[in-house]
Amino acid sequence: MENNLLNNAKAFFNEDTLSKLSGTVGVDSAQLKQGTDLVIPALFLGLQRENESGLNTILEQAKSHFGNFDFQQWFNSDRSAPAEGAAEDVNSQHPEHQHILQSIFGDKLDTVVSAISGFIGIKSDTIQKLLSSALPAVFASLTNNGTNWNAAGISNLLNENKSNFAAALPAGLGLGAFGGLFADSDIQSPVVETPIPPADIPVVEPPVLTVPPVNPEPAIHTREAVREVKKSSGLWWILIPLVLVALWFLFGKSCAGNGAGTADSTSDGRDTSSMTNPADSLGTTDGLSNRESVILKLPDGQELRAYPRGIEDNLIKFLQSDYKALPDDTLKNKWFDFDNLNFETGTAKILPASRDQLLNLAAILKVFPDAKVKIGGYTDKTGDEAFNKKLSLDRANAVKVFLDEQGLGAQVAGTEGYGSEIARYPADAPESDRIKDRRVSVSVRK
C-alpha cells in the first residue's frame, strides 16, 4: 500500500508536468523531480501526525477546494500529458493551498520549507510552490481519486504507512531536519546498529591472521570458567587472542569513522598530500582516545573545547593567516579533516557525541563571516562503489544541513561525495589503515 500511496502521488509529476512547472519557476526538471520526491513524503507525514479530528478538518478543506476536479481524469497515471485543469492548478498559487498547508504543518511550515530548500539547493519560494502543487496529488492518492474522503479510513491508512513515509526521506535529511515536527515516538525509523565511536576504541595493529568468520555467544566469565582454562592443556590461551581479534574485526570495523559528500557541478581532483587527517593531527596511530582536550580562544574571545592540532585548531590558524592571497588551486588542495565526527554504520545519521565538533565549526564560521567552506566526504575501498558514492554524498549533505540550521548556509560553497576514489589503502588493508580513509573534510574557499 505504501508504494501505491507514494508512487501514485509522484506519478502526477511526469515529464510534461515537470517541464511546464520548470518554465514557470525557472528551475530545471531534474531538480524539481528531486524536490517533489521530498515534499510528497513530507506532506504524508504532516497529515499522519494529525489526530482524526484534525485530519477530518483538513480533509473537509481539501474536499471543498478540490471537489470540482475530475480526479479520474486528473490523476490518470497513463495519460500522456496532465489534464488542463491540473496544469492550471500546478501553476497557480491559490490562497486555499496556503491555508491547507498551514493546517497541515502549523507554525512549522517555514521550517519544512527551509529544510528541503537547504538540502537540495532550491529557493524557498520554489519549494513552497512544489508543496502547493503536490497537494492535489497527495489527496488524490489518499482518497482513491476523490471517491473516499472518510477520515477514519484515511487515518488508518496513514498510520499503517508512517514508517515508510519516513524512510522515503533521504538519510542526509531525515526527520530531525524538520525541527521535531515529525518526532512523534510512534514514527519508527529503520533500526540500525549504533557502533562505538572510533574515539572510544584504541586502534591496534592486529596480527596478520586468517580468522574464519565467527558469531560467538556472549560469555560471562566466572571464577569457575577461569579455573577451567587453567586446567586445560593450554589450547585456550591460544584461541582466546584469536577470538578477540575476530571480535575486533567484526565490531571494531563497524565504527564507520568519517566519510561523506554531495556532488556539485565539478570535482576538485584533490591532492591528498595536503590533507590534515586525524592520524596526522595526533602525530600517532594509536587511536584518538588518549587525547586530552584544550581550550581554544577565538578572536572574539569565545572559548572552544577541542583537541590540539585537531580540525578546530588547524582551521582557526589557517583563517587567521593571509589565506585569501593563496591561488585558488592551492586552496582547493588544502583540506581539514573532522577528527571527532562519526555516523551510524552504513547511514548518514550523525552520532550525538559528534554534535560538539559541528557546533565548534559553526562558531568558527560565525567569527570568520567572509570564509566559505566546501564539504567533502570519503569512504574506504570496501563494499560497492556506487553505494560508497551515495553514502559519502548523504554524509556531506548531513553536515551541510546542520550548518544550514545554524544560519550558515551562505558560507557553504558546495559539497561533494568522493566515495573511495582517492582512498589510500586497499580493501584488504588492516582496519587501522582503512579507518583513515573514512572521513569528512572541509576546504576553505574565497
Protein backbone atom coordinates (compact mmCIF):
# COMPACT_ATOMS: atom_id res chain seq x y z
CA MET A 1 0.00 0.00 0.00
CA GLU A 2 2.85 2.36 0.79
CA ASN A 3 4.17 2.05 -2.73
CA ASN A 4 0.75 2.87 -4.14
CA LEU A 5 0.34 5.95 -1.95
CA LEU A 6 3.76 7.41 -2.65
CA ASN A 7 4.09 6.29 -6.24
CA ASN A 8 0.59 7.38 -7.25
CA ALA A 9 1.23 10.85 -5.87
CA LYS A 10 4.65 11.06 -7.53
CA ALA A 11 3.22 9.81 -10.83
CA PHE A 12 1.38 13.08 -11.35
CA PHE A 13 4.71 14.85 -11.80
CA ASN A 14 5.56 13.25 -15.12
CA GLU A 15 7.95 14.80 -17.63
CA ASP A 16 5.29 17.04 -19.15
CA THR A 17 4.14 18.39 -15.80
CA LEU A 18 7.71 18.96 -14.61
CA SER A 19 8.58 20.67 -17.89
CA LYS A 20 5.66 23.10 -17.58
CA LEU A 21 6.45 23.75 -13.93
CA SER A 22 10.12 24.25 -14.82
CA GLY A 23 9.20 27.02 -17.24
CA THR A 24 7.14 28.70 -14.53
CA VAL A 25 9.65 28.65 -11.67
CA GLY A 26 12.92 28.74 -13.63
CA VAL A 27 14.36 25.53 -12.16
CA ASP A 28 15.38 22.54 -14.28
CA SER A 29 13.15 19.48 -14.32
CA ALA A 30 15.72 17.21 -12.64
CA GLN A 31 15.88 19.46 -9.57
CA LEU A 32 12.11 19.75 -9.49
CA LYS A 33 11.83 15.96 -9.58
CA GLN A 34 14.20 15.78 -6.61
CA GLY A 35 12.06 18.38 -4.85
CA THR A 36 8.80 16.51 -5.43
CA ASP A 37 10.38 13.31 -4.10
CA LEU A 38 10.89 15.19 -0.81
CA VAL A 39 7.74 17.29 -0.49
CA ILE A 40 5.37 14.36 -1.12
CA PRO A 41 6.52 12.17 1.83
CA ALA A 42 6.72 15.36 3.95
CA LEU A 43 3.04 16.06 3.21
CA PHE A 44 2.07 12.48 4.03
CA LEU A 45 3.96 12.72 7.33
CA GLY A 46 2.31 16.05 8.11
CA LEU A 47 -1.11 14.51 7.61
CA GLN A 48 -0.18 11.37 9.57
CA ARG A 49 0.67 13.36 12.71
CA GLU A 50 -2.88 14.77 12.91
CA ASN A 51 -5.46 13.14 15.14
CA GLU A 52 -8.69 12.03 13.49
CA SER A 53 -10.47 15.29 14.30
CA GLY A 54 -7.68 17.46 12.90
CA LEU A 55 -7.37 15.24 9.84
CA ASN A 56 -11.12 15.46 9.24
CA THR A 57 -10.91 19.28 9.23
CA ILE A 58 -8.09 19.22 6.67
CA LEU A 59 -9.92 16.70 4.50
CA GLU A 60 -13.03 18.90 4.52
CA GLN A 61 -10.91 21.85 3.36
CA ALA A 62 -9.33 19.76 0.61
CA LYS A 63 -12.65 18.26 -0.48
CA SER A 64 -14.20 21.71 -0.69
CA HIS A 65 -11.33 23.05 -2.78
CA PHE A 66 -10.61 20.04 -4.99
CA GLY A 67 -14.19 18.75 -5.15
CA ASN A 68 -14.76 20.15 -8.65
CA PHE A 69 -11.86 18.19 -10.11
CA ASP A 70 -12.48 15.07 -12.13
CA PHE A 71 -9.86 13.05 -10.27
CA GLN A 72 -10.28 10.07 -12.56
CA GLN A 73 -9.11 12.18 -15.48
CA TRP A 74 -6.81 14.43 -13.48
CA PHE A 75 -4.91 11.59 -11.79
CA ASN A 76 -4.68 9.17 -14.69
CA SER A 77 -1.17 7.72 -14.50
CA ASP A 78 -1.44 6.54 -18.13
CA ARG A 79 -2.01 10.00 -19.51
CA SER A 80 0.50 11.42 -21.99
CA ALA A 81 0.01 14.93 -20.60
CA PRO A 82 -1.64 16.35 -17.48
CA ALA A 83 -5.23 17.39 -17.72
CA GLU A 84 -5.77 21.07 -18.41
CA GLY A 85 -7.29 21.77 -15.02
CA ALA A 86 -4.39 20.05 -13.28
CA ALA A 87 -1.80 22.06 -15.17
CA GLU A 88 -3.56 25.29 -14.26
CA ASP A 89 -3.70 24.25 -10.63
CA VAL A 90 0.01 23.37 -10.58
CA ASN A 91 0.98 26.74 -12.00
CA SER A 92 -1.33 28.78 -9.77
CA GLN A 93 -0.77 29.96 -6.21
CA HIS A 94 -4.29 29.61 -4.90
CA PRO A 95 -4.76 31.12 -1.41
CA GLU A 96 -6.59 27.98 -0.34
CA HIS A 97 -3.42 25.96 -0.94
CA GLN A 98 -1.56 28.09 1.59
CA HIS A 99 -4.45 27.66 4.03
CA ILE A 100 -4.30 23.87 3.69
CA LEU A 101 -0.50 23.82 4.09
CA GLN A 102 -0.80 25.92 7.26
CA SER A 103 -3.38 23.45 8.58
CA ILE A 104 -1.05 20.52 7.89
CA PHE A 105 2.23 21.94 9.22
CA GLY A 106 1.08 24.76 11.51
CA ASP A 107 3.83 27.16 12.54
CA LYS A 108 6.44 24.65 11.31
CA LEU A 109 5.67 25.28 7.63
CA ASP A 110 8.66 27.62 7.27
CA THR A 111 10.89 25.02 8.95
CA VAL A 112 9.82 22.35 6.46
CA VAL A 113 10.34 24.68 3.51
CA SER A 114 13.76 25.80 4.80
CA ALA A 115 14.97 22.24 5.48
CA ILE A 116 14.08 20.98 2.00
CA SER A 117 15.37 24.17 0.35
CA GLY A 118 18.73 23.90 2.09
CA PHE A 119 19.06 20.20 1.33
CA ILE A 120 18.62 20.39 -2.44
CA GLY A 121 19.69 23.99 -3.06
CA ILE A 122 16.38 25.31 -4.44
CA LYS A 123 14.93 28.66 -3.34
CA SER A 124 12.33 28.58 -0.59
CA ASP A 125 9.58 30.13 -2.71
CA THR A 126 10.06 27.32 -5.26
CA ILE A 127 9.73 24.68 -2.53
CA GLN A 128 6.56 26.46 -1.38
CA LYS A 129 5.17 26.15 -4.92
CA LEU A 130 6.11 22.47 -5.04
CA LEU A 131 4.27 21.83 -1.77
CA SER A 132 1.25 23.63 -3.19
CA SER A 133 1.48 21.69 -6.44
CA ALA A 134 1.74 18.36 -4.63
CA LEU A 135 -1.41 18.85 -2.54
CA PRO A 136 -3.91 17.60 -5.15
CA ALA A 137 -1.65 14.65 -5.98
CA VAL A 138 -1.42 13.62 -2.31
CA PHE A 139 -5.15 13.96 -1.68
CA ALA A 140 -5.98 12.10 -4.90
CA SER A 141 -3.75 9.24 -3.77
CA LEU A 142 -5.26 9.16 -0.27
CA THR A 143 -8.91 9.38 -1.37
CA ASN A 144 -8.78 6.93 -4.28
CA ASN A 145 -9.09 9.75 -6.81
CA GLY A 146 -11.66 11.66 -4.77
CA THR A 147 -14.06 8.76 -4.17
CA ASN A 148 -13.42 8.16 -0.44
CA TRP A 149 -12.92 11.07 1.98
CA ASN A 150 -13.58 9.08 5.17
CA ALA A 151 -11.27 10.47 7.87
CA ALA A 152 -11.11 7.27 9.95
CA GLY A 153 -10.12 5.13 6.97
CA ILE A 154 -7.54 7.63 5.75
CA SER A 155 -6.11 7.97 9.27
CA ASN A 156 -5.62 4.19 9.45
CA LEU A 157 -4.02 4.21 6.02
CA LEU A 158 -1.57 6.93 7.06
CA ASN A 159 -0.69 5.20 10.32
CA GLU A 160 -0.07 1.89 8.58
CA ASN A 161 2.47 3.55 6.29
CA LYS A 162 4.09 6.13 8.57
CA SER A 163 7.46 4.35 8.79
CA ASN A 164 7.61 4.05 5.02
CA PHE A 165 6.91 7.76 4.60
CA ALA A 166 9.82 8.48 6.95
CA ALA A 167 12.05 6.04 5.07
CA ALA A 168 11.29 7.87 1.81
CA LEU A 169 13.27 10.86 3.07
CA PRO A 170 16.99 10.58 2.24
CA ALA A 171 19.42 9.82 5.04
CA GLY A 172 21.06 13.24 4.83
CA LEU A 173 17.76 14.98 5.53
CA GLY A 174 15.89 12.76 7.97
CA LEU A 175 13.13 13.69 10.40
CA GLY A 176 15.44 15.72 12.65
CA ALA A 177 15.89 18.36 9.94
CA PHE A 178 12.24 19.37 10.42
CA GLY A 179 12.79 20.70 13.91
CA GLY A 180 10.92 17.99 15.83
CA LEU A 181 7.75 18.31 13.73
CA PHE A 182 7.76 14.58 12.98
CA ALA A 183 9.49 13.48 16.18
CA ASP A 184 6.45 11.54 17.41
CA SER A 185 7.52 8.46 19.31
CA ASP A 186 5.35 6.23 17.15
CA ILE A 187 7.15 7.03 13.90
CA GLN A 188 9.63 4.22 13.62
CA SER A 189 12.77 4.77 11.63
CA PRO A 190 14.70 1.78 10.30
CA VAL A 191 16.67 0.14 13.09
CA VAL A 192 20.40 0.44 12.67
CA GLU A 193 23.21 -0.77 14.83
CA THR A 194 24.81 2.01 16.85
CA PRO A 195 28.55 1.47 16.76
CA ILE A 196 31.03 2.56 19.37
CA PRO A 197 32.61 5.77 18.06
CA PRO A 198 36.22 5.38 16.90
CA ALA A 199 37.27 7.90 19.51
CA ASP A 200 36.47 5.33 22.19
CA ILE A 201 38.33 2.43 20.60
CA PRO A 202 42.11 2.23 20.71
CA VAL A 203 43.30 1.40 17.22
CA VAL A 204 45.61 -1.60 17.41
CA GLU A 205 47.56 -3.42 14.77
CA PRO A 206 46.19 -6.97 14.73
CA PRO A 207 48.49 -9.81 13.73
CA VAL A 208 48.20 -10.92 10.13
CA LEU A 209 45.98 -13.96 10.59
CA THR A 210 43.32 -15.69 8.55
CA VAL A 211 40.45 -15.87 11.01
CA PRO A 212 37.26 -17.74 9.97
CA PRO A 213 34.01 -15.82 10.50
CA VAL A 214 32.66 -16.36 13.98
CA ASN A 215 29.49 -15.37 15.74
CA PRO A 216 30.40 -16.04 19.37
CA GLU A 217 27.75 -16.25 22.05
CA PRO A 218 28.14 -13.66 24.83
CA ALA A 219 30.14 -15.23 27.65
CA ILE A 220 30.07 -14.46 31.36
CA HIS A 221 33.48 -15.22 32.78
CA THR A 222 33.13 -16.70 36.25
CA ARG A 223 35.84 -17.92 38.54
CA GLU A 224 34.91 -21.47 37.63
CA ALA A 225 35.41 -20.69 33.97
CA VAL A 226 38.81 -19.23 34.67
CA ARG A 227 39.84 -22.29 36.64
CA GLU A 228 38.67 -24.48 33.78
CA VAL A 229 41.01 -22.69 31.46
CA LYS A 230 43.90 -23.13 33.80
CA LYS A 231 43.34 -26.89 33.92
CA SER A 232 43.31 -27.22 30.14
CA SER A 233 46.25 -28.15 28.02
CA GLY A 234 46.88 -24.52 27.12
CA LEU A 235 44.97 -24.54 23.84
CA TRP A 236 42.50 -21.94 25.14
CA TRP A 237 45.31 -19.46 25.74
CA ILE A 238 45.98 -19.65 22.02
CA LEU A 239 42.33 -19.47 20.96
CA ILE A 240 41.31 -16.56 23.21
CA PRO A 241 43.53 -13.97 21.45
CA LEU A 242 42.28 -15.28 18.10
CA VAL A 243 38.66 -14.87 19.19
CA LEU A 244 39.39 -11.36 20.47
CA VAL A 245 40.95 -10.45 17.14
CA ALA A 246 37.90 -11.84 15.35
CA LEU A 247 35.59 -9.82 17.59
CA TRP A 248 37.65 -6.73 16.91
CA PHE A 249 37.29 -7.27 13.17
CA LEU A 250 33.55 -7.91 13.50
CA PHE A 251 32.66 -4.99 15.73
CA GLY A 252 35.61 -2.62 15.56
CA LYS A 253 35.15 -2.10 11.83
CA SER A 254 31.51 -1.09 12.32
CA CYS A 255 32.58 2.33 13.57
CA ALA A 256 32.40 3.92 10.19
CA GLY A 257 34.60 6.84 11.04
CA ASN A 258 34.22 9.94 8.92
CA GLY A 259 33.01 9.69 5.35
CA ALA A 260 30.60 11.78 3.31
CA GLY A 261 29.86 14.03 0.36
CA THR A 262 27.44 15.66 -2.11
CA ALA A 263 28.23 16.33 -5.71
CA ASP A 264 28.33 19.82 -7.10
CA SER A 265 29.00 20.54 -10.75
CA THR A 266 32.75 19.99 -10.74
CA SER A 267 35.24 17.78 -8.99
CA ASP A 268 38.39 19.16 -7.42
CA GLY A 269 40.80 16.35 -8.19
CA ARG A 270 42.22 16.52 -4.69
CA ASP A 271 45.87 16.26 -3.86
CA THR A 272 45.76 14.02 -0.80
CA SER A 273 49.22 15.09 0.30
CA SER A 274 47.74 18.38 1.52
CA MET A 275 45.12 16.82 3.79
CA THR A 276 45.10 17.17 7.53
CA ASN A 277 43.73 13.87 8.79
CA PRO A 278 43.09 12.58 12.29
CA ALA A 279 46.26 10.50 12.39
CA ASP A 280 48.36 13.47 11.26
CA SER A 281 46.70 15.66 13.86
CA LEU A 282 47.60 13.19 16.59
CA GLY A 283 51.06 12.50 15.34
CA THR A 284 50.41 8.86 16.24
CA THR A 285 48.43 5.87 15.06
CA ASP A 286 47.40 4.51 18.45
CA GLY A 287 43.90 6.00 18.35
CA LEU A 288 42.02 9.06 19.49
CA SER A 289 41.07 8.05 23.00
CA ASN A 290 44.34 9.15 24.61
CA ARG A 291 43.97 12.77 23.54
CA GLU A 292 43.24 15.48 26.07
CA SER A 293 41.13 18.45 25.03
CA VAL A 294 42.32 22.03 25.37
CA ILE A 295 40.63 25.43 25.34
CA LEU A 296 40.94 27.36 22.06
CA LYS A 297 40.16 31.07 22.04
CA LEU A 298 38.51 32.71 19.03
CA PRO A 299 39.26 36.32 18.01
CA ASP A 300 36.00 37.49 19.64
CA GLY A 301 37.04 35.97 22.97
CA GLN A 302 34.76 32.94 22.68
CA GLU A 303 36.30 29.73 24.02
CA LEU A 304 36.00 26.32 22.39
CA ARG A 305 36.94 22.97 23.88
CA ALA A 306 38.75 20.95 21.23
CA TYR A 307 41.77 18.74 20.60
CA PRO A 308 45.21 20.24 19.98
CA ARG A 309 46.07 20.17 16.27
CA GLY A 310 42.54 18.94 15.51
CA ILE A 311 40.27 20.46 12.88
CA GLU A 312 39.29 23.44 15.04
CA ASP A 313 42.88 24.31 15.96
CA ASN A 314 44.16 23.97 12.38
CA LEU A 315 41.21 25.80 10.84
CA ILE A 316 41.41 28.78 13.20
CA LYS A 317 45.13 29.21 12.48
CA PHE A 318 44.51 28.97 8.74
CA LEU A 319 41.69 31.52 8.77
CA GLN A 320 43.87 33.91 10.77
CA SER A 321 46.54 33.68 8.06
CA ASP A 322 46.58 35.54 4.75
CA TYR A 323 44.80 32.64 3.05
CA LYS A 324 42.99 34.92 0.59
CA ALA A 325 46.32 35.63 -1.08
CA LEU A 326 46.71 31.95 -1.97
CA PRO A 327 45.84 30.83 -5.52
CA ASP A 328 42.51 29.03 -5.93
CA ASP A 329 44.27 25.80 -6.90
CA THR A 330 46.20 25.84 -3.64
CA LEU A 331 43.04 26.33 -1.61
CA LYS A 332 41.29 23.51 -3.46
CA ASN A 333 44.03 21.11 -2.41
CA LYS A 334 44.07 22.16 1.26
CA TRP A 335 41.60 20.15 3.34
CA PHE A 336 40.91 19.85 7.06
CA ASP A 337 39.52 16.54 8.34
CA PHE A 338 36.98 16.27 11.13
CA ASP A 339 38.59 14.20 13.85
CA ASN A 340 35.56 13.63 16.07
CA LEU A 341 32.67 13.24 13.61
CA ASN A 342 31.06 9.80 13.42
CA PHE A 343 27.96 8.27 11.88
CA GLU A 344 25.79 5.24 12.49
CA THR A 345 27.05 2.31 10.44
CA GLY A 346 26.05 2.50 6.80
CA THR A 347 23.99 5.68 7.26
CA ALA A 348 24.37 9.45 7.26
CA LYS A 349 22.93 9.78 10.78
CA ILE A 350 25.40 11.77 12.86
CA LEU A 351 26.04 10.34 16.32
CA PRO A 352 25.03 12.68 19.18
CA ALA A 353 28.58 12.79 20.55
CA SER A 354 29.74 14.41 17.30
CA ARG A 355 27.48 17.44 17.71
CA ASP A 356 30.11 19.29 19.76
CA GLN A 357 32.58 19.37 16.89
CA LEU A 358 29.90 20.56 14.46
CA LEU A 359 28.95 23.33 16.89
CA ASN A 360 32.63 24.30 17.11
CA LEU A 361 32.81 24.55 13.32
CA ALA A 362 29.68 26.70 13.29
CA ALA A 363 31.17 29.02 15.93
CA ILE A 364 34.36 29.39 13.89
CA LEU A 365 32.49 30.24 10.69
CA LYS A 366 30.40 32.84 12.51
CA VAL A 367 33.56 34.59 13.70
CA PHE A 368 35.02 34.49 10.17
CA PRO A 369 31.95 35.50 8.09
CA ASP A 370 33.99 36.02 4.91
CA ALA A 371 35.16 32.41 4.91
CA LYS A 372 33.39 29.82 2.81
CA VAL A 373 33.91 26.08 3.03
CA LYS A 374 33.38 23.17 0.70
CA ILE A 375 32.48 19.87 2.36
CA GLY A 376 33.94 16.62 1.05
CA GLY A 377 33.11 13.07 2.07
CA TYR A 378 35.08 9.85 1.65
CA THR A 379 34.85 6.12 2.28
CA ASP A 380 37.33 3.27 2.27
CA LYS A 381 37.59 0.76 -0.61
CA THR A 382 35.44 -1.95 0.95
CA GLY A 383 31.97 -2.62 -0.44
CA ASP A 384 30.18 -1.41 -3.55
CA GLU A 385 31.50 1.83 -5.03
CA ALA A 386 28.05 3.05 -6.10
CA PHE A 387 26.86 2.67 -2.50
CA ASN A 388 30.03 4.35 -1.22
CA LYS A 389 29.43 7.32 -3.52
CA LYS A 390 25.86 7.74 -2.33
CA LEU A 391 26.80 7.28 1.31
CA SER A 392 29.55 9.88 1.07
CA LEU A 393 27.09 12.20 -0.68
CA ASP A 394 24.48 11.76 2.04
CA ARG A 395 27.01 12.31 4.83
CA ALA A 396 28.33 15.53 3.34
CA ASN A 397 24.73 16.69 2.97
CA ALA A 398 24.13 15.90 6.65
CA VAL A 399 26.92 18.31 7.64
CA LYS A 400 25.58 20.92 5.23
CA VAL A 401 22.07 20.61 6.69
CA PHE A 402 23.50 21.15 10.17
CA LEU A 403 25.28 24.34 9.06
CA ASP A 404 22.12 25.50 7.29
CA GLU A 405 20.23 25.08 10.56
CA GLN A 406 22.83 27.30 12.24
CA GLY A 407 22.15 30.05 9.68
CA LEU A 408 25.43 29.41 7.85
CA GLY A 409 24.11 28.13 4.53
CA ALA A 410 25.61 31.11 2.68
CA GLN A 411 29.08 30.07 3.86
CA VAL A 412 28.86 26.58 2.35
CA ALA A 413 30.43 26.83 -1.10
CA GLY A 414 29.40 23.32 -2.09
CA THR A 415 29.62 19.66 -1.18
CA GLU A 416 30.99 16.62 -2.96
CA GLY A 417 30.99 12.89 -2.37
CA TYR A 418 34.20 11.18 -3.46
CA GLY A 419 33.36 7.66 -2.30
CA SER A 420 36.58 5.64 -2.31
CA GLU A 421 38.11 7.18 -5.44
CA ILE A 422 41.06 8.68 -3.54
CA ALA A 423 41.29 6.13 -0.72
CA ARG A 424 44.93 5.37 0.04
CA TYR A 425 44.55 1.84 1.39
CA PRO A 426 43.29 -1.33 -0.38
CA ALA A 427 40.12 -3.10 0.70
CA ASP A 428 42.12 -5.85 2.43
CA ALA A 429 44.28 -3.43 4.43
CA PRO A 430 44.09 -3.57 8.24
CA GLU A 431 41.19 -1.69 9.82
CA SER A 432 43.68 0.66 11.47
CA ASP A 433 44.64 1.87 7.97
CA ARG A 434 41.22 1.83 6.31
CA ILE A 435 39.69 3.93 9.08
CA LYS A 436 41.90 6.80 7.87
CA ASP A 437 40.12 6.74 4.50
CA ARG A 438 36.66 7.20 6.08
CA ARG A 439 36.21 10.87 6.85
CA VAL A 440 34.51 14.19 6.22
CA SER A 441 36.65 17.21 5.40
CA VAL A 442 36.27 20.92 4.74
CA SER A 443 38.24 23.12 2.37
CA VAL A 444 38.31 26.91 2.70
CA ARG A 445 37.29 28.91 -0.35
CA LYS A 446 37.33 32.63 -1.09
